[in-house]
Each structure stands twice: as C-alpha cells, then as structure tokens.
N, C-alpha and C. Protein backbone atom coordinates (compact mmCIF):
# COMPACT_ATOMS: atom_id res chain seq x y z
N MET A 1 121.34 114.50 91.42
CA MET A 1 122.63 113.96 91.80
C MET A 1 122.79 112.57 91.19
N PRO A 2 123.18 112.51 89.93
CA PRO A 2 123.31 111.20 89.30
C PRO A 2 124.44 110.36 89.89
N THR A 3 124.11 109.12 90.23
CA THR A 3 125.11 108.17 90.72
C THR A 3 125.87 107.64 89.51
N VAL A 4 127.19 107.66 89.59
CA VAL A 4 128.03 107.15 88.51
C VAL A 4 128.32 105.67 88.75
N PHE A 5 128.69 105.32 89.98
CA PHE A 5 128.90 103.93 90.35
C PHE A 5 128.95 103.83 91.88
N ARG A 6 128.89 102.60 92.36
CA ARG A 6 129.03 102.31 93.79
C ARG A 6 130.18 101.32 93.96
N HIS A 7 130.88 101.48 95.07
CA HIS A 7 131.99 100.58 95.37
C HIS A 7 132.05 100.38 96.88
N ASN A 8 131.86 99.13 97.32
CA ASN A 8 131.89 98.80 98.75
C ASN A 8 131.02 99.74 99.59
N GLY A 9 129.83 100.02 99.10
CA GLY A 9 128.89 100.86 99.84
C GLY A 9 129.07 102.35 99.65
N ILE A 10 130.13 102.75 98.98
CA ILE A 10 130.39 104.18 98.74
C ILE A 10 129.72 104.56 97.42
N ARG A 11 128.94 105.63 97.46
CA ARG A 11 128.28 106.12 96.24
C ARG A 11 129.13 107.22 95.64
N PHE A 12 129.50 107.07 94.38
CA PHE A 12 130.26 108.08 93.65
C PHE A 12 129.29 108.78 92.70
N PHE A 13 129.24 110.10 92.76
CA PHE A 13 128.19 110.84 92.06
C PHE A 13 128.64 112.27 91.73
N PHE A 14 127.78 112.94 90.92
CA PHE A 14 127.95 114.36 90.61
C PHE A 14 126.79 115.13 91.23
N TYR A 15 127.03 116.39 91.56
CA TYR A 15 125.93 117.32 91.84
C TYR A 15 125.58 117.97 90.52
N SER A 16 124.33 117.95 90.13
CA SER A 16 123.92 118.50 88.84
C SER A 16 124.04 120.01 88.77
N ASN A 17 123.90 120.70 89.88
CA ASN A 17 123.87 122.16 89.87
C ASN A 17 125.06 122.78 90.57
N GLU A 18 126.19 122.11 90.58
CA GLU A 18 127.35 122.60 91.32
C GLU A 18 128.21 123.53 90.48
N GLY A 19 128.37 124.75 90.98
CA GLY A 19 129.28 125.69 90.36
C GLY A 19 128.69 126.45 89.19
N ASP A 20 128.95 127.72 89.15
CA ASP A 20 128.54 128.57 88.03
C ASP A 20 129.62 129.63 87.85
N PRO A 21 130.57 129.45 86.93
CA PRO A 21 130.57 128.39 85.91
C PRO A 21 130.92 127.03 86.53
N ARG A 22 130.60 125.99 85.79
CA ARG A 22 130.84 124.63 86.27
C ARG A 22 132.32 124.41 86.53
N GLU A 23 132.60 123.73 87.62
CA GLU A 23 133.98 123.40 87.97
C GLU A 23 134.52 122.34 87.01
N PRO A 24 135.84 122.19 86.97
CA PRO A 24 136.43 121.12 86.15
C PRO A 24 135.93 119.75 86.63
N ILE A 25 136.13 118.76 85.81
CA ILE A 25 135.63 117.42 86.09
C ILE A 25 136.10 116.92 87.46
N HIS A 26 135.13 116.40 88.21
CA HIS A 26 135.39 115.87 89.53
C HIS A 26 134.27 114.92 89.90
N ILE A 27 134.44 114.22 91.02
CA ILE A 27 133.44 113.27 91.49
C ILE A 27 133.35 113.38 93.02
N HIS A 28 132.16 113.14 93.54
CA HIS A 28 131.95 113.12 94.98
C HIS A 28 131.77 111.68 95.43
N ALA A 29 132.12 111.41 96.69
CA ALA A 29 131.94 110.10 97.29
C ALA A 29 131.20 110.27 98.60
N LEU A 30 130.21 109.41 98.84
CA LEU A 30 129.38 109.52 100.03
C LEU A 30 129.21 108.15 100.66
N LEU A 31 129.45 108.09 101.97
CA LEU A 31 129.22 106.88 102.75
C LEU A 31 128.68 107.33 104.10
N GLY A 32 127.39 107.11 104.32
CA GLY A 32 126.76 107.62 105.54
C GLY A 32 126.81 109.14 105.53
N VAL A 33 127.42 109.72 106.56
CA VAL A 33 127.55 111.19 106.62
C VAL A 33 128.91 111.66 106.13
N ALA A 34 129.80 110.72 105.82
CA ALA A 34 131.13 111.08 105.31
C ALA A 34 131.05 111.40 103.82
N GLU A 35 131.70 112.49 103.42
CA GLU A 35 131.69 112.87 102.01
C GLU A 35 133.07 113.40 101.61
N ALA A 36 133.44 113.13 100.38
CA ALA A 36 134.70 113.63 99.83
C ALA A 36 134.48 114.04 98.38
N LYS A 37 135.35 114.91 97.92
CA LYS A 37 135.34 115.38 96.53
C LYS A 37 136.73 115.15 95.96
N PHE A 38 136.77 114.63 94.72
CA PHE A 38 138.04 114.32 94.08
C PHE A 38 138.14 115.01 92.73
N TRP A 39 139.25 115.70 92.50
CA TRP A 39 139.57 116.22 91.18
C TRP A 39 140.12 115.08 90.35
N LEU A 40 139.86 115.08 89.05
CA LEU A 40 140.42 114.05 88.18
C LEU A 40 141.70 114.50 87.50
N TYR A 41 141.92 115.80 87.38
CA TYR A 41 143.10 116.33 86.68
C TYR A 41 143.74 117.44 87.48
N PRO A 42 145.06 117.59 87.36
CA PRO A 42 145.96 116.90 86.45
C PRO A 42 146.21 115.45 86.86
N GLU A 43 145.94 115.13 88.13
CA GLU A 43 145.96 113.76 88.60
C GLU A 43 144.84 113.64 89.63
N VAL A 44 144.40 112.43 89.89
CA VAL A 44 143.33 112.25 90.87
C VAL A 44 143.85 112.69 92.24
N SER A 45 143.10 113.60 92.86
CA SER A 45 143.49 114.12 94.16
C SER A 45 142.25 114.50 94.97
N VAL A 46 142.42 114.55 96.27
CA VAL A 46 141.33 114.91 97.16
C VAL A 46 141.18 116.43 97.15
N ALA A 47 140.00 116.90 96.79
CA ALA A 47 139.72 118.34 96.83
C ALA A 47 139.31 118.75 98.24
N ARG A 48 138.47 117.92 98.86
CA ARG A 48 138.06 118.15 100.25
C ARG A 48 137.46 116.86 100.78
N SER A 49 137.41 116.77 102.10
CA SER A 49 136.86 115.58 102.72
C SER A 49 136.38 115.89 104.13
N GLN A 50 135.31 115.22 104.50
CA GLN A 50 134.82 115.29 105.87
C GLN A 50 134.34 113.91 106.27
N GLY A 51 134.95 113.36 107.30
CA GLY A 51 134.49 112.08 107.83
C GLY A 51 135.24 110.85 107.36
N PHE A 52 136.13 110.99 106.38
CA PHE A 52 136.94 109.87 105.93
C PHE A 52 138.35 110.03 106.50
N ASN A 53 138.99 108.91 106.85
CA ASN A 53 140.38 109.00 107.30
C ASN A 53 141.33 108.91 106.12
N ALA A 54 142.60 109.12 106.38
CA ALA A 54 143.61 109.16 105.31
C ALA A 54 143.68 107.84 104.55
N ARG A 55 143.55 106.73 105.24
CA ARG A 55 143.61 105.42 104.58
C ARG A 55 142.43 105.25 103.62
N ASP A 56 141.22 105.62 104.08
CA ASP A 56 140.04 105.55 103.22
C ASP A 56 140.22 106.42 101.98
N LEU A 57 140.72 107.62 102.17
CA LEU A 57 140.90 108.55 101.05
C LEU A 57 141.91 108.01 100.05
N ALA A 58 142.99 107.41 100.54
CA ALA A 58 143.99 106.84 99.63
C ALA A 58 143.38 105.72 98.80
N LYS A 59 142.55 104.87 99.43
CA LYS A 59 141.87 103.81 98.69
C LYS A 59 140.91 104.39 97.66
N MET A 60 140.20 105.46 98.04
CA MET A 60 139.25 106.06 97.11
C MET A 60 139.95 106.73 95.95
N VAL A 61 141.12 107.30 96.16
CA VAL A 61 141.89 107.86 95.05
C VAL A 61 142.17 106.75 94.03
N ASP A 62 142.57 105.58 94.52
CA ASP A 62 142.81 104.44 93.62
C ASP A 62 141.54 104.03 92.88
N ILE A 63 140.42 104.01 93.59
CA ILE A 63 139.14 103.64 92.98
C ILE A 63 138.75 104.63 91.89
N VAL A 64 138.92 105.92 92.17
CA VAL A 64 138.59 106.94 91.18
C VAL A 64 139.51 106.80 89.97
N GLU A 65 140.80 106.55 90.20
CA GLU A 65 141.72 106.34 89.07
C GLU A 65 141.28 105.15 88.22
N GLU A 66 140.87 104.06 88.87
CA GLU A 66 140.42 102.87 88.14
C GLU A 66 139.17 103.14 87.30
N HIS A 67 138.33 104.06 87.76
CA HIS A 67 137.06 104.34 87.10
C HIS A 67 137.08 105.67 86.33
N ARG A 68 138.25 106.22 86.11
CA ARG A 68 138.36 107.53 85.47
C ARG A 68 137.63 107.60 84.13
N SER A 69 137.79 106.61 83.28
CA SER A 69 137.14 106.67 81.96
C SER A 69 135.62 106.62 82.09
N LEU A 70 135.10 105.82 83.01
CA LEU A 70 133.66 105.79 83.25
C LEU A 70 133.18 107.14 83.76
N ILE A 71 133.90 107.72 84.70
CA ILE A 71 133.53 109.03 85.25
C ILE A 71 133.51 110.08 84.15
N GLU A 72 134.54 110.10 83.32
CA GLU A 72 134.60 111.07 82.22
C GLU A 72 133.43 110.89 81.25
N ARG A 73 133.13 109.64 80.92
CA ARG A 73 132.03 109.38 80.00
C ARG A 73 130.70 109.84 80.59
N LYS A 74 130.46 109.50 81.84
CA LYS A 74 129.21 109.90 82.49
C LYS A 74 129.12 111.41 82.66
N TRP A 75 130.24 112.07 82.94
CA TRP A 75 130.28 113.52 83.05
C TRP A 75 129.86 114.15 81.72
N ASP A 76 130.47 113.68 80.63
CA ASP A 76 130.13 114.20 79.30
C ASP A 76 128.67 113.95 78.96
N GLU A 77 128.17 112.76 79.25
CA GLU A 77 126.76 112.45 78.97
C GLU A 77 125.84 113.36 79.77
N HIS A 78 126.18 113.61 81.02
CA HIS A 78 125.29 114.40 81.88
C HIS A 78 125.36 115.89 81.58
N PHE A 79 126.55 116.42 81.45
CA PHE A 79 126.70 117.86 81.33
C PHE A 79 126.74 118.38 79.89
N ASN A 80 127.01 117.51 78.94
CA ASN A 80 127.15 117.97 77.55
C ASN A 80 126.08 117.41 76.64
N SER A 81 125.02 116.85 77.19
CA SER A 81 123.98 116.31 76.34
C SER A 81 122.84 117.31 76.12
C-alpha cells in the first residue's frame, strides 16, 4: 500500500492488489479507522466513504484535486513500471 502523500494526518495511498482488472485511477484516504476512496475522473468524486462526514469529504475532494498530478504520476510509476 504505497503512500502517495499525507495531509493534516490523512494518509493518501493506493492498494497494490486492488481489482482484477485494475480499476481506473483513484486514491484512498485513511485517518484512524475512517477511510474513503476517490475517483479522479471524469472529475474528482467520492467513490465510497466510511467514518468521514460530508465536510471532511468536501475538503478531501479539494485536496485530491490539488494533488491530482502527483497522484497520476505516482500511479503510473507504481502500476506501469
């Protein structure tokens, strides 16, 4: 589960073995026992969430949008190398 970045204690990461075939580009966020998954396309959106409230999720959507190029680069390095 490679960590892509951390923001205010939230770890943003990929699962290395998720999906067969692999799902489209996305990122997971973990803080304590709360976890969320975000699609990057066609726009950043919440795929699923457990333990985060709507305000937290809206902030995390903004964070994922801000880090989209980093996420894409790390995704390509991890899955296409």
